[in-house]
Protein backbone atom coordinates (compact mmCIF):
# COMPACT_ATOMS: atom_id res chain seq x y z
CA MET A 1 224.31 140.96 120.61
CA SER A 2 222.05 140.39 123.56
CA LEU A 3 220.22 137.11 123.11
CA HIS A 4 217.10 136.73 125.23
CA VAL A 5 216.66 132.98 125.17
CA THR A 6 213.51 132.96 127.29
CA GLY A 7 210.70 135.27 128.29
CA ARG A 8 210.14 133.45 131.61
CA CYS A 9 211.65 133.77 135.08
CA ASN A 10 211.43 131.88 138.38
CA LEU A 11 211.71 135.07 140.49
CA ARG A 12 209.42 138.08 140.85
CA CYS A 13 211.84 140.97 141.10
CA ARG A 14 210.37 144.34 142.03
CA HIS A 15 212.50 146.28 139.57
CA CYS A 16 212.63 144.11 136.42
CA TRP A 17 212.25 146.26 133.33
CA VAL A 18 211.68 143.24 131.06
CA SER A 19 208.82 141.96 133.25
CA PRO A 20 209.06 138.28 132.22
CA ALA A 21 206.27 135.75 132.58
CA PRO A 22 206.29 133.16 135.40
CA ALA A 23 208.51 130.13 134.88
CA GLU A 24 205.53 127.82 134.36
CA CYS A 25 203.98 129.92 131.56
CA SER A 26 203.74 127.39 128.72
CA GLN A 27 202.48 129.94 126.20
CA ILE A 28 205.68 131.97 126.45
CA GLY A 29 207.81 128.84 126.57
CA SER A 30 206.36 127.50 123.33
CA ALA A 31 207.14 130.78 121.56
CA GLU A 32 210.84 130.76 122.41
CA LEU A 33 213.40 130.38 119.66
CA SER A 34 214.50 126.81 119.14
CA LEU A 35 218.12 125.70 119.24
CA ALA A 36 218.04 125.29 115.46
CA GLU A 37 216.74 128.84 115.03
CA ILE A 38 219.44 130.21 117.33
CA ASP A 39 222.11 128.29 115.43
CA ALA A 40 220.85 129.68 112.12
CA VAL A 41 220.78 133.28 113.30
CA MET A 42 224.28 132.96 114.77
CA SER A 43 225.58 131.64 111.47
CA GLU A 44 224.14 134.67 109.72
CA ALA A 45 225.27 137.10 112.43
CA VAL A 46 228.87 135.93 112.25
CA THR A 47 228.99 136.83 108.57
CA LEU A 48 227.83 140.33 109.54
CA GLY A 49 230.74 140.66 111.98
CA LEU A 50 229.30 139.47 115.28
CA GLY A 51 231.99 138.72 117.85
CA SER A 52 230.25 138.43 121.22
CA VAL A 53 226.87 137.48 122.68
CA THR A 54 225.34 138.05 126.09
CA VAL A 55 222.77 135.37 126.88
CA THR A 56 219.99 136.67 129.08
CA GLY A 57 216.25 136.44 129.60
CA GLY A 58 214.11 136.08 131.70
CA GLU A 59 216.15 133.45 133.46
CA PRO A 60 218.22 131.57 130.85
CA LEU A 61 218.71 128.48 133.02
CA LEU A 62 215.00 127.71 132.74
CA ARG A 63 215.72 126.39 129.26
CA PRO A 64 216.48 122.66 129.38
CA ASP A 65 218.83 123.10 126.41
CA ILE A 66 220.71 126.14 127.72
CA LEU A 67 224.05 124.31 127.71
CA GLN A 68 223.48 123.37 124.08
CA VAL A 69 222.69 127.00 123.30
CA LEU A 70 225.92 128.16 124.93
CA ARG A 71 227.95 125.47 123.16
CA CYS A 72 226.32 126.52 119.90
CA LEU A 73 227.55 130.09 120.39
CA ARG A 74 231.06 128.91 121.21
CA SER A 75 231.07 126.62 118.17
CA HIS A 76 230.62 129.72 116.00
CA GLY A 77 233.75 131.22 117.55
CA LEU A 78 231.81 133.73 119.61
CA SER A 79 232.70 135.11 123.01
CA ALA A 80 229.71 134.28 125.20
CA SER A 81 228.54 135.64 128.55
CA LEU A 82 225.60 134.61 130.69
CA GLU A 83 223.31 136.67 132.93
CA THR A 84 221.47 134.70 135.62
CA ASN A 85 219.86 135.09 139.02
CA GLY A 86 221.87 132.03 140.07
CA THR A 87 219.10 130.22 141.89
CA LEU A 88 219.04 127.28 139.47
CA VAL A 89 222.80 126.62 139.52
CA ASP A 90 223.72 123.25 141.03
CA ASP A 91 226.94 121.21 140.92
CA ARG A 92 226.23 119.77 137.48
CA ILE A 93 225.29 123.10 135.92
CA ALA A 94 228.31 124.82 137.48
CA GLU A 95 230.56 122.08 136.09
CA ASP A 96 229.00 122.42 132.64
CA LEU A 97 229.26 126.22 132.66
CA GLY A 98 232.91 125.95 133.61
CA GLY A 99 233.47 123.63 130.67
CA VAL A 100 231.87 126.00 128.16
CA ARG A 101 234.55 128.61 128.96
CA LEU A 102 232.29 131.62 129.11
CA ALA A 103 233.80 135.09 129.21
CA VAL A 104 231.63 136.12 132.17
CA VAL A 105 228.81 134.72 134.26
CA ALA A 106 226.95 137.70 135.74
CA VAL A 107 224.93 136.87 138.86
CA SER A 108 222.40 139.21 140.48
CA LEU A 109 222.85 139.88 144.20
CA ASP A 110 220.85 142.72 145.75
CA GLY A 111 221.51 142.39 149.46
CA ALA A 112 224.08 141.29 152.00
CA CYS A 113 221.48 139.14 153.75
CA GLY A 114 218.46 137.04 152.86
CA ASP A 115 215.92 139.52 154.17
CA THR A 116 216.99 142.31 151.81
CA HIS A 117 217.74 140.23 148.73
CA ASP A 118 214.68 137.96 148.99
CA ARG A 119 212.32 140.88 149.60
CA PHE A 120 213.60 142.57 146.45
CA ARG A 121 213.62 139.39 144.37
CA GLY A 122 210.21 138.21 145.53
CA VAL A 123 211.13 134.64 146.55
CA ILE A 124 212.24 133.41 149.97
CA GLY A 125 215.50 131.47 149.82
CA ALA A 126 216.81 133.22 146.71
CA PHE A 127 219.75 134.74 148.61
CA GLU A 128 221.10 131.42 149.87
CA ALA A 129 220.72 129.84 146.44
CA THR A 130 222.48 132.74 144.73
CA VAL A 131 225.41 132.79 147.16
CA HIS A 132 225.78 129.01 146.78
CA ALA A 133 225.77 129.41 143.00
CA ILE A 134 228.63 131.91 143.17
CA GLU A 135 230.61 129.51 145.37
CA LEU A 136 230.07 126.65 142.92
CA LEU A 137 231.03 128.75 139.90
CA LYS A 138 234.21 130.08 141.50
CA LYS A 139 235.26 126.52 142.39
CA ARG A 140 235.12 125.79 138.65
CA GLY A 141 237.28 128.79 137.80
CA VAL A 142 234.46 130.80 136.21
CA PHE A 143 234.88 134.58 135.93
CA VAL A 144 231.98 135.84 138.04
CA GLN A 145 230.58 139.34 137.96
CA VAL A 146 228.03 140.24 140.61
CA ILE A 147 225.45 142.81 139.55
CA THR A 148 223.79 144.74 142.36
CA CYS A 149 220.82 146.98 141.68
CA VAL A 150 221.00 149.77 144.23
CA TRP A 151 217.87 151.40 145.64
CA LYS A 152 216.78 153.06 148.88
CA GLY A 153 216.22 149.69 150.56
CA ASN A 154 219.76 148.35 150.13
CA CYS A 155 222.09 151.35 149.73
CA ASP A 156 223.24 151.02 153.34
CA GLU A 157 224.33 147.43 152.63
CA LEU A 158 226.56 148.15 149.64
CA ARG A 159 229.80 147.95 151.60
CA SER A 160 228.66 144.66 153.15
CA ILE A 161 227.73 143.34 149.70
CA PHE A 162 231.24 144.26 148.49
CA GLU A 163 232.81 142.49 151.45
CA LEU A 164 230.68 139.41 150.80
CA ALA A 165 231.73 139.47 147.14
CA CYS A 166 235.37 139.63 148.23
CA ARG A 167 234.96 136.63 150.52
CA LEU A 168 233.31 134.67 147.71
CA GLY A 169 236.19 135.44 145.34
CA VAL A 170 233.99 137.41 142.92
CA ASP A 171 235.97 139.07 140.12
CA GLU A 172 233.82 142.18 139.67
CA LEU A 173 231.00 143.93 141.49
CA LYS A 174 228.92 146.13 139.22
CA ILE A 175 226.50 148.44 141.01
CA THR A 176 223.70 149.91 138.94
CA PRO A 177 220.93 152.30 140.03
CA ILE A 178 217.38 151.01 139.74
CA SER A 179 215.65 152.10 136.53
CA ALA A 180 212.20 153.67 136.31
CA PHE A 181 210.84 151.10 133.88
CA GLY A 182 208.86 147.89 133.86
CA ARG A 183 207.72 146.77 137.29
CA ALA A 184 209.42 149.73 138.97
CA SER A 185 207.80 152.42 136.83
CA ASN A 186 204.81 153.27 139.03
CA LYS A 187 206.80 153.16 142.24
CA MET A 188 209.53 155.22 140.68
CA SER A 189 207.12 158.02 139.84
CA THR A 190 206.52 158.53 143.56
CA LYS A 191 210.27 158.24 144.32
CA GLN A 192 209.73 155.31 146.65
CA LEU A 193 212.66 153.31 145.35
CA ARG A 194 215.16 155.38 143.42
CA LEU A 195 218.06 157.23 144.97
CA SER A 196 218.40 160.89 144.09
CA MET A 197 220.99 161.97 141.55
CA PRO A 198 223.25 163.57 144.22
CA ALA A 199 223.00 160.41 146.33
CA GLN A 200 224.01 158.27 143.35
CA LEU A 201 226.95 160.55 142.64
CA GLU A 202 228.08 160.33 146.26
CA LEU A 203 227.84 156.53 146.14
CA HIS A 204 229.89 156.46 142.94
CA GLN A 205 232.65 158.45 144.63
CA ARG A 206 232.54 156.20 147.70
CA VAL A 207 232.60 152.94 145.71
CA SER A 208 235.53 154.19 143.61
CA SER A 209 237.70 154.15 146.74
CA TRP A 210 236.93 150.56 147.72
CA VAL A 211 239.81 148.15 147.46
CA SER A 212 239.58 144.44 148.18
CA GLU A 213 241.94 143.20 150.87
CA SER A 214 241.12 139.52 150.38
CA GLY A 215 241.18 139.01 146.62
CA PRO A 216 240.98 140.49 143.14
CA THR A 217 237.43 141.84 143.45
CA ARG A 218 237.00 145.29 141.95
CA ALA A 219 233.87 147.38 142.37
CA PHE A 220 232.44 150.07 140.15
CA PHE A 221 229.28 152.14 140.17
CA SER A 222 227.52 152.64 136.85
CA VAL A 223 227.41 156.37 136.17
CA PRO A 224 227.80 158.21 132.85
CA TYR A 225 231.38 158.50 131.62
CA ALA A 226 231.58 162.27 132.13
CA PHE A 227 231.80 161.64 135.88
CA ARG A 228 234.74 159.26 135.62
CA PRO A 229 238.43 160.23 135.44
CA LEU A 230 239.61 160.22 131.84
CA ASP A 231 242.47 157.86 132.64
CA SER A 232 239.98 155.33 134.01
CA LEU A 233 237.90 155.05 130.86
CA ALA A 234 240.13 152.39 129.34
CA LYS A 235 239.64 150.29 132.48
CA SER A 236 235.90 150.90 132.67
CA MET A 237 233.20 148.84 131.09
CA HIS A 238 233.02 149.75 127.44
CA PRO A 239 230.14 152.02 126.48
CA CYS A 240 227.07 150.59 124.80
CA PRO A 241 228.04 149.78 121.19
CA LEU A 242 224.78 151.28 119.99
CA HIS A 243 225.71 151.39 116.30
CA THR A 244 226.93 147.81 116.15
CA ARG A 245 224.62 145.82 118.41
CA LEU A 246 221.24 144.13 118.29
CA GLY A 247 218.96 142.52 120.79
CA VAL A 248 217.18 139.33 119.74
CA LEU A 249 214.20 138.66 121.98
CA HIS A 250 212.93 135.23 123.01
CA ASP A 251 210.39 135.03 120.17
CA GLY A 252 212.64 136.36 117.40
CA ARG A 253 211.74 140.02 117.56
CA VAL A 254 214.69 142.36 117.10
CA SER A 255 215.52 145.60 118.90
CA ILE A 256 218.70 147.36 120.02
CA CYS A 257 218.61 145.44 123.32
CA GLY A 258 215.87 144.24 125.67
CA ILE A 259 214.04 147.55 125.29
CA GLY A 260 211.78 145.89 122.74
CA GLU A 261 210.07 144.11 125.61
CA ALA A 262 209.25 147.46 127.23
CA ASP A 263 208.27 149.50 124.15
CA GLY A 264 207.26 148.05 120.81
CA LYS A 265 208.18 151.25 118.96
CA LEU A 266 211.81 150.18 119.09
CA LEU A 267 211.18 146.82 117.44
CA PHE A 268 212.66 146.50 113.96
CA GLY A 269 211.26 143.17 112.79
CA ASN A 270 211.43 139.45 113.51
CA ILE A 271 214.09 136.98 112.40
CA ARG A 272 211.33 134.40 111.85
CA GLU A 273 209.97 136.64 109.09
CA THR A 274 212.98 138.60 107.82
CA SER A 275 216.64 137.67 107.57
CA LEU A 276 218.97 139.23 110.09
CA ALA A 277 221.07 140.67 107.25
CA GLN A 278 218.04 142.40 105.78
CA LEU A 279 217.08 143.86 109.15
CA TRP A 280 220.65 144.97 109.78
CA HIS A 281 221.07 146.70 106.43
CA GLN A 282 217.55 147.91 105.64
CA SER A 283 215.78 148.72 108.92
CA LEU A 284 214.66 152.34 108.87
CA GLY A 285 214.66 152.42 112.67
CA LEU A 286 218.27 151.27 112.90
CA ALA A 287 219.27 153.68 110.15
CA GLU A 288 217.69 156.57 112.05
CA ILE A 289 219.55 155.71 115.27
CA ARG A 290 222.86 155.43 113.41
CA ARG A 291 222.25 158.74 111.65
CA ARG A 292 221.13 160.75 114.68
CA ILE A 293 223.43 159.45 117.40
CA PRO A 294 225.59 161.23 118.47
CA SER A 295 225.28 164.17 116.06
CA GLU A 296 221.74 165.12 117.14
CA LEU A 297 221.99 164.43 120.87
CA GLU A 298 220.16 167.10 122.81
CA GLY A 299 220.82 169.03 126.01
CA VAL A 300 223.96 168.33 127.96
CA CYS A 301 224.73 165.23 125.88
CA GLY A 302 225.05 167.36 122.75
CA ASN A 303 227.52 169.62 124.56
CA CYS A 304 229.64 166.87 126.11
CA ILE A 305 233.20 166.20 124.92
CA LEU A 306 232.60 162.46 125.38
CA LYS A 307 229.49 162.22 123.21
CA THR A 308 231.22 160.27 120.43
CA TYR A 309 232.46 157.79 123.04
CA CYS A 310 229.51 157.63 125.42
CA LEU A 311 226.77 158.07 122.76
CA GLY A 312 224.48 159.54 125.39
CA PHE A 313 225.04 156.62 127.77
CA CYS A 314 221.91 154.39 127.75
CA ARG A 315 219.73 155.45 124.83
CA SER A 316 217.09 152.90 125.81
CA ALA A 317 216.63 154.65 129.15
CA ALA A 318 216.47 158.06 127.49
CA TYR A 319 213.83 156.80 125.08
CA LEU A 320 211.67 155.18 127.76
CA GLU A 321 211.83 158.35 129.86
CA SER A 322 211.18 160.85 127.09
CA GLY A 323 209.98 159.09 123.93
CA SER A 324 213.02 160.36 122.03
CA VAL A 325 216.29 158.58 121.22
CA THR A 326 218.12 161.91 121.13
CA ALA A 327 216.93 163.22 124.53
CA PRO A 328 219.68 164.00 127.05
CA ASN A 329 220.59 161.47 129.69
CA SER A 330 218.40 162.46 132.65
CA PHE A 331 221.19 161.95 135.22
CA CYS A 332 223.59 164.22 133.34
CA GLN A 333 220.93 166.81 132.56
CA GLU A 334 219.90 167.05 136.21
CA ALA A 335 223.56 167.27 137.24
CA LEU A 336 224.04 170.16 134.82
CA GLU A 337 221.02 171.98 136.17
CA ARG A 338 222.23 171.49 139.76
CA GLY A 339 225.73 172.69 138.90
CA LEU A 340 227.20 169.21 139.48
CA PHE A 341 228.17 168.31 135.91
CA PRO A 342 231.96 168.59 135.37
CA ARG A 343 232.56 171.80 133.39
CA SER A 344 235.76 170.27 132.01
CA ARG A 345 233.60 167.77 130.11
CA LEU A 346 231.64 170.46 128.27
CA ILE A 347 232.45 171.53 124.73
CA ASP A 348 231.15 175.02 125.53
CA PRO A 349 231.12 175.70 129.29
CA ASN A 350 229.19 178.90 128.64
CA LEU A 351 226.17 176.75 127.82
CA ALA A 352 226.25 175.16 131.30
CA THR A 353 222.99 176.67 132.43
């Protein structure tokens, strides 16, 4: 489950696909799920088989009770991870997060220097605060994953970002291409921000060869699984568990992830009005996704030997790009059309046209 505990954020990131309200927005803040509501939904979710939760937002640390929320999840026996921009982490918060024993704290870092990161994140000083947060968390023994959103303005800094992550003792560096949604959608249509598919593929190959010389940091570039060696899949991030996940938004609305913030057509109800069990078992939207994925995947995804594993990679992205949950992944489809999709990953290579 992805649990969006707030719809507010203290940064103004150029690429955010959730597009949260400013931190001071009281209207959004008053609509956020209470600790009691979160506790109740976790109790119900555990009976349905929930094992792990990613706490995200907005910026989760804007909630005064965020530590209580995290302790609530752990009290239900759940593995809990936290996604944050890191700017609000101080000594006390780092100490508390270390004590909660989270599986991962994922921190966003989009440049190797303040100029690049702050320009992308929309607030001067964000870089220094984020780097300091990583230092504080690592001192407390927290498993830290850095997430870097790569675009035309920072692709030349990726190696420097990796080297910085190594020096900071970061455990993982996850590099993801910018998405054409939310605040980036208009700019993306004119190709001002997004790297081309061949450029992304070249970066993936380059990043795969990086090895840390100063610590355990490993780096990986987020591309569809068809482009990864088969023997690496077990070591890779697990694919999206589309059939067995939900996203609970800050006001109780339910979707498959945060996509419900971007498109209301993939909202299935609200836990303030309907029990989670009823939504899980009776939602027509969820039933349709489970029925059609992967058997009705279109284009290259329908012809890929990994479709039962990959499930079309990010179905949210495919839907936002095309309006269809069964549309092919645009990266893979373009690769096929350019002759760059691995023929060994095709069920019928004769259809590679």
